[in-house]
N, C-alpha and C. Protein backbone atom coordinates (compact mmCIF):
# COMPACT_ATOMS: atom_id res chain seq x y z
N UNK A 1 0.84 -1.17 0.00
CA UNK A 1 0.00 0.00 0.00
C UNK A 1 0.89 1.23 0.00
N UNK A 2 0.63 2.12 -0.90
CA UNK A 2 1.40 3.35 -0.99
C UNK A 2 0.91 4.36 0.04
N UNK A 3 1.70 5.35 0.30
CA UNK A 3 1.34 6.38 1.28
C UNK A 3 0.09 7.13 0.83
N UNK A 4 -0.07 7.31 -0.46
CA UNK A 4 -1.25 8.00 -0.98
C UNK A 4 -2.52 7.21 -0.69
N UNK A 5 -2.46 5.89 -0.89
CA UNK A 5 -3.63 5.04 -0.61
C UNK A 5 -4.00 5.10 0.86
N UNK A 6 -3.01 5.08 1.73
CA UNK A 6 -3.25 5.13 3.17
C UNK A 6 -3.90 6.46 3.56
N UNK A 7 -3.43 7.55 2.98
CA UNK A 7 -3.98 8.86 3.30
C UNK A 7 -5.43 8.97 2.84
N UNK A 8 -5.75 8.39 1.69
CA UNK A 8 -7.12 8.42 1.19
C UNK A 8 -8.05 7.64 2.10
N UNK A 9 -7.63 6.48 2.54
CA UNK A 9 -8.45 5.67 3.45
C UNK A 9 -8.66 6.36 4.78
N UNK A 10 -7.62 7.03 5.29
CA UNK A 10 -7.74 7.74 6.56
C UNK A 10 -8.74 8.88 6.44
N UNK A 11 -8.71 9.59 5.33
CA UNK A 11 -9.63 10.70 5.12
C UNK A 11 -11.07 10.21 5.07
N UNK A 12 -11.31 9.11 4.39
CA UNK A 12 -12.67 8.56 4.30
C UNK A 12 -13.16 8.12 5.67
N UNK A 13 -12.29 7.49 6.44
CA UNK A 13 -12.67 7.02 7.77
C UNK A 13 -12.94 8.21 8.69
N UNK A 14 -12.22 9.28 8.53
CA UNK A 14 -12.41 10.45 9.38
C UNK A 14 -13.72 11.17 9.04
N UNK A 15 -14.17 11.07 7.81
CA UNK A 15 -15.41 11.74 7.40
C UNK A 15 -16.65 11.00 7.86
N UNK A 16 -16.53 9.70 8.11
CA UNK A 16 -17.69 8.90 8.47
C UNK A 16 -18.45 9.44 9.69
N UNK A 17 -17.79 9.70 10.83
CA UNK A 17 -18.54 10.22 11.98
C UNK A 17 -19.16 11.58 11.71
N UNK A 18 -18.48 12.42 10.94
CA UNK A 18 -19.02 13.74 10.63
C UNK A 18 -20.28 13.59 9.78
N UNK A 19 -20.25 12.71 8.81
CA UNK A 19 -21.41 12.48 7.95
C UNK A 19 -22.57 11.92 8.77
N UNK A 20 -22.29 11.01 9.67
CA UNK A 20 -23.34 10.45 10.52
C UNK A 20 -23.93 11.53 11.42
N UNK A 21 -23.10 12.38 11.98
CA UNK A 21 -23.59 13.44 12.85
C UNK A 21 -24.46 14.42 12.06
N UNK A 22 -24.05 14.75 10.84
CA UNK A 22 -24.87 15.64 10.01
C UNK A 22 -26.21 15.01 9.68
N UNK A 23 -26.19 13.72 9.39
CA UNK A 23 -27.43 13.01 9.10
C UNK A 23 -28.37 13.01 10.29
N UNK A 24 -27.83 12.76 11.46
CA UNK A 24 -28.66 12.77 12.67
C UNK A 24 -29.19 14.17 12.97
N UNK A 25 -28.38 15.18 12.72
CA UNK A 25 -28.83 16.56 12.94
C UNK A 25 -29.96 16.90 11.99
N UNK A 26 -29.85 16.51 10.74
CA UNK A 26 -30.90 16.78 9.76
C UNK A 26 -32.20 16.07 10.14
N UNK A 27 -32.10 14.82 10.56
CA UNK A 27 -33.28 14.07 10.98
C UNK A 27 -33.92 14.72 12.20
N UNK A 28 -33.09 15.16 13.13
CA UNK A 28 -33.60 15.82 14.33
C UNK A 28 -34.32 17.12 13.99
N UNK A 29 -33.74 17.90 13.10
CA UNK A 29 -34.37 19.16 12.70
C UNK A 29 -35.68 18.91 11.96
N UNK A 30 -35.71 17.90 11.12
CA UNK A 30 -36.93 17.56 10.40
C UNK A 30 -38.03 17.13 11.37
N UNK A 31 -37.67 16.33 12.37
CA UNK A 31 -38.65 15.89 13.37
C UNK A 31 -39.17 17.08 14.17
N UNK A 32 -38.28 17.98 14.57
CA UNK A 32 -38.70 19.16 15.33
C UNK A 32 -39.63 20.03 14.50
N UNK A 33 -39.30 20.23 13.24
CA UNK A 33 -40.16 21.02 12.36
C UNK A 33 -41.52 20.37 12.20
N UNK A 34 -41.55 19.06 12.03
CA UNK A 34 -42.81 18.33 11.89
C UNK A 34 -43.65 18.46 13.16
N UNK A 35 -43.01 18.31 14.33
CA UNK A 35 -43.72 18.41 15.60
C UNK A 35 -44.27 19.83 15.82
N UNK A 36 -43.47 20.85 15.50
CA UNK A 36 -43.92 22.22 15.63
C UNK A 36 -45.05 22.55 14.66
N UNK A 37 -44.99 21.97 13.47
CA UNK A 37 -46.06 22.21 12.49
C UNK A 37 -47.37 21.60 12.98
N UNK A 38 -47.30 20.44 13.62
CA UNK A 38 -48.51 19.83 14.20
C UNK A 38 -49.10 20.73 15.27
N UNK A 39 -48.23 21.27 16.14
CA UNK A 39 -48.70 22.19 17.18
C UNK A 39 -49.27 23.46 16.55
N UNK A 40 -48.65 23.91 15.48
CA UNK A 40 -49.13 25.10 14.78
C UNK A 40 -50.55 24.88 14.25
N UNK A 41 -50.83 23.71 13.71
CA UNK A 41 -52.16 23.44 13.18
C UNK A 41 -53.20 23.43 14.30
N UNK A 42 -52.79 23.09 15.51
CA UNK A 42 -53.72 23.16 16.65
C UNK A 42 -54.11 24.60 16.95
N UNK A 43 -53.22 25.54 16.64
CA UNK A 43 -53.57 26.96 16.82
C UNK A 43 -54.75 27.35 15.94
N UNK A 44 -54.84 26.74 14.78
CA UNK A 44 -55.95 27.03 13.87
C UNK A 44 -57.29 26.59 14.41
N UNK A 45 -57.30 25.69 15.37
CA UNK A 45 -58.55 25.23 15.97
C UNK A 45 -59.03 26.17 17.09
N UNK A 46 -58.20 27.12 17.47
CA UNK A 46 -58.57 28.05 18.53
C UNK A 46 -59.51 29.12 18.00
N UNK A 47 -60.29 29.68 18.91
CA UNK A 47 -61.17 30.79 18.52
C UNK A 47 -60.34 32.06 18.41
N UNK A 48 -60.94 33.09 17.79
CA UNK A 48 -60.23 34.35 17.62
C UNK A 48 -59.90 35.00 18.96
N UNK A 49 -60.79 34.86 19.94
CA UNK A 49 -60.49 35.45 21.26
C UNK A 49 -59.35 34.71 21.96
N UNK A 50 -59.26 33.40 21.78
CA UNK A 50 -58.14 32.65 22.36
C UNK A 50 -56.82 33.05 21.70
N UNK A 51 -56.85 33.23 20.40
CA UNK A 51 -55.65 33.67 19.69
C UNK A 51 -55.24 35.07 20.14
N UNK A 52 -56.22 35.94 20.33
CA UNK A 52 -55.93 37.30 20.79
C UNK A 52 -55.27 37.26 22.17
N UNK A 53 -55.69 36.34 23.02
CA UNK A 53 -55.10 36.22 24.36
C UNK A 53 -53.61 35.90 24.31
N UNK A 54 -53.18 35.18 23.30
CA UNK A 54 -51.75 34.85 23.19
C UNK A 54 -51.02 35.78 22.22
N UNK A 55 -51.70 36.83 21.76
CA UNK A 55 -51.05 37.85 20.95
C UNK A 55 -51.00 37.55 19.47
N UNK A 56 -51.92 36.71 18.98
CA UNK A 56 -51.94 36.36 17.55
C UNK A 56 -53.29 36.71 16.94
N UNK A 57 -53.31 36.78 15.64
CA UNK A 57 -54.56 36.93 14.91
C UNK A 57 -54.64 35.79 13.90
N UNK A 58 -55.81 35.60 13.35
CA UNK A 58 -55.98 34.55 12.34
C UNK A 58 -55.12 34.87 11.11
N UNK A 59 -54.95 36.14 10.80
CA UNK A 59 -54.11 36.54 9.66
C UNK A 59 -52.65 36.14 9.89
N UNK A 60 -52.19 36.22 11.14
CA UNK A 60 -50.82 35.79 11.45
C UNK A 60 -50.63 34.31 11.11
N UNK A 61 -51.64 33.51 11.39
CA UNK A 61 -51.56 32.08 11.08
C UNK A 61 -51.47 31.86 9.58
N UNK A 62 -52.23 32.64 8.81
CA UNK A 62 -52.19 32.49 7.35
C UNK A 62 -50.84 32.90 6.78
N UNK A 63 -50.23 33.91 7.36
CA UNK A 63 -48.91 34.34 6.90
C UNK A 63 -47.87 33.26 7.20
N UNK A 64 -47.94 32.70 8.41
CA UNK A 64 -46.94 31.71 8.82
C UNK A 64 -47.10 30.39 8.08
N UNK A 65 -48.30 30.00 7.75
CA UNK A 65 -48.51 28.71 7.08
C UNK A 65 -48.06 28.76 5.62
N UNK A 66 -47.85 29.95 5.10
CA UNK A 66 -47.39 30.08 3.71
C UNK A 66 -45.93 29.70 3.54
N UNK A 67 -45.23 29.41 4.63
CA UNK A 67 -43.83 28.99 4.55
C UNK A 67 -43.74 27.61 3.89
N UNK A 68 -42.66 27.30 3.20
CA UNK A 68 -42.50 25.96 2.62
C UNK A 68 -42.50 24.90 3.72
N UNK A 69 -42.76 23.65 3.36
CA UNK A 69 -42.94 22.59 4.35
C UNK A 69 -41.72 22.41 5.26
N UNK A 70 -40.53 22.52 4.74
CA UNK A 70 -39.33 22.31 5.54
C UNK A 70 -39.02 23.42 6.52
N UNK A 71 -39.73 24.54 6.41
CA UNK A 71 -39.50 25.69 7.28
C UNK A 71 -40.50 25.64 8.44
N UNK A 72 -40.00 25.87 9.63
CA UNK A 72 -40.83 25.82 10.83
C UNK A 72 -41.72 27.07 10.90
N UNK A 73 -43.05 26.93 10.87
CA UNK A 73 -43.93 28.10 10.90
C UNK A 73 -43.91 28.83 12.25
N UNK A 74 -43.52 28.13 13.31
CA UNK A 74 -43.52 28.78 14.62
C UNK A 74 -42.44 29.85 14.72
N UNK A 75 -41.36 29.71 13.96
CA UNK A 75 -40.33 30.76 13.97
C UNK A 75 -40.87 32.02 13.31
N UNK A 76 -41.67 31.87 12.28
CA UNK A 76 -42.30 33.03 11.63
C UNK A 76 -43.29 33.70 12.57
N UNK A 77 -44.06 32.89 13.30
CA UNK A 77 -45.01 33.46 14.27
C UNK A 77 -44.26 34.23 15.36
N UNK A 78 -43.15 33.68 15.80
CA UNK A 78 -42.36 34.35 16.83
C UNK A 78 -41.89 35.72 16.34
N UNK A 79 -41.43 35.78 15.10
CA UNK A 79 -40.96 37.06 14.57
C UNK A 79 -42.11 38.06 14.42
N UNK A 80 -43.30 37.58 14.09
CA UNK A 80 -44.46 38.46 13.97
C UNK A 80 -44.81 39.05 15.34
N UNK A 81 -44.84 38.20 16.36
CA UNK A 81 -45.18 38.65 17.70
C UNK A 81 -44.12 39.61 18.24
N UNK A 82 -42.85 39.30 17.99
CA UNK A 82 -41.77 40.17 18.47
C UNK A 82 -41.82 41.54 17.79
N UNK A 83 -42.08 41.56 16.50
CA UNK A 83 -42.14 42.85 15.80
C UNK A 83 -43.35 43.66 16.28
N UNK A 84 -44.44 42.98 16.59
CA UNK A 84 -45.62 43.67 17.11
C UNK A 84 -45.33 44.23 18.50
N UNK A 85 -44.58 43.49 19.32
CA UNK A 85 -44.24 43.96 20.67
C UNK A 85 -43.29 45.16 20.61
N UNK A 86 -42.40 45.21 19.62
CA UNK A 86 -41.48 46.33 19.48
C UNK A 86 -42.21 47.62 19.09
N UNK A 87 -43.32 47.48 18.39
CA UNK A 87 -44.07 48.64 17.95
C UNK A 87 -44.83 49.30 19.09
N UNK A 88 -45.08 48.52 20.16
CA UNK A 88 -45.84 49.09 21.30
C UNK A 88 -45.01 49.91 22.19
């Protein structure tokens, strides 16, 4: 085995844990986004007065749900509420 072959094998072996960690991180983020989206849909079942109590409107829900599926809608809701609080 030449030194070049050994270096190539070492590099591949060193990348394996990093690749596995990235894969697990992506799966974890996807699961969190899915779980938050389920909770977000429960907000749609609330009445307008209940939404008002937590500082949201039905229009806020429509804006946040327009995000692509991989994007967590709760982060958009958080930014809407924070910007509204800054205006007060």
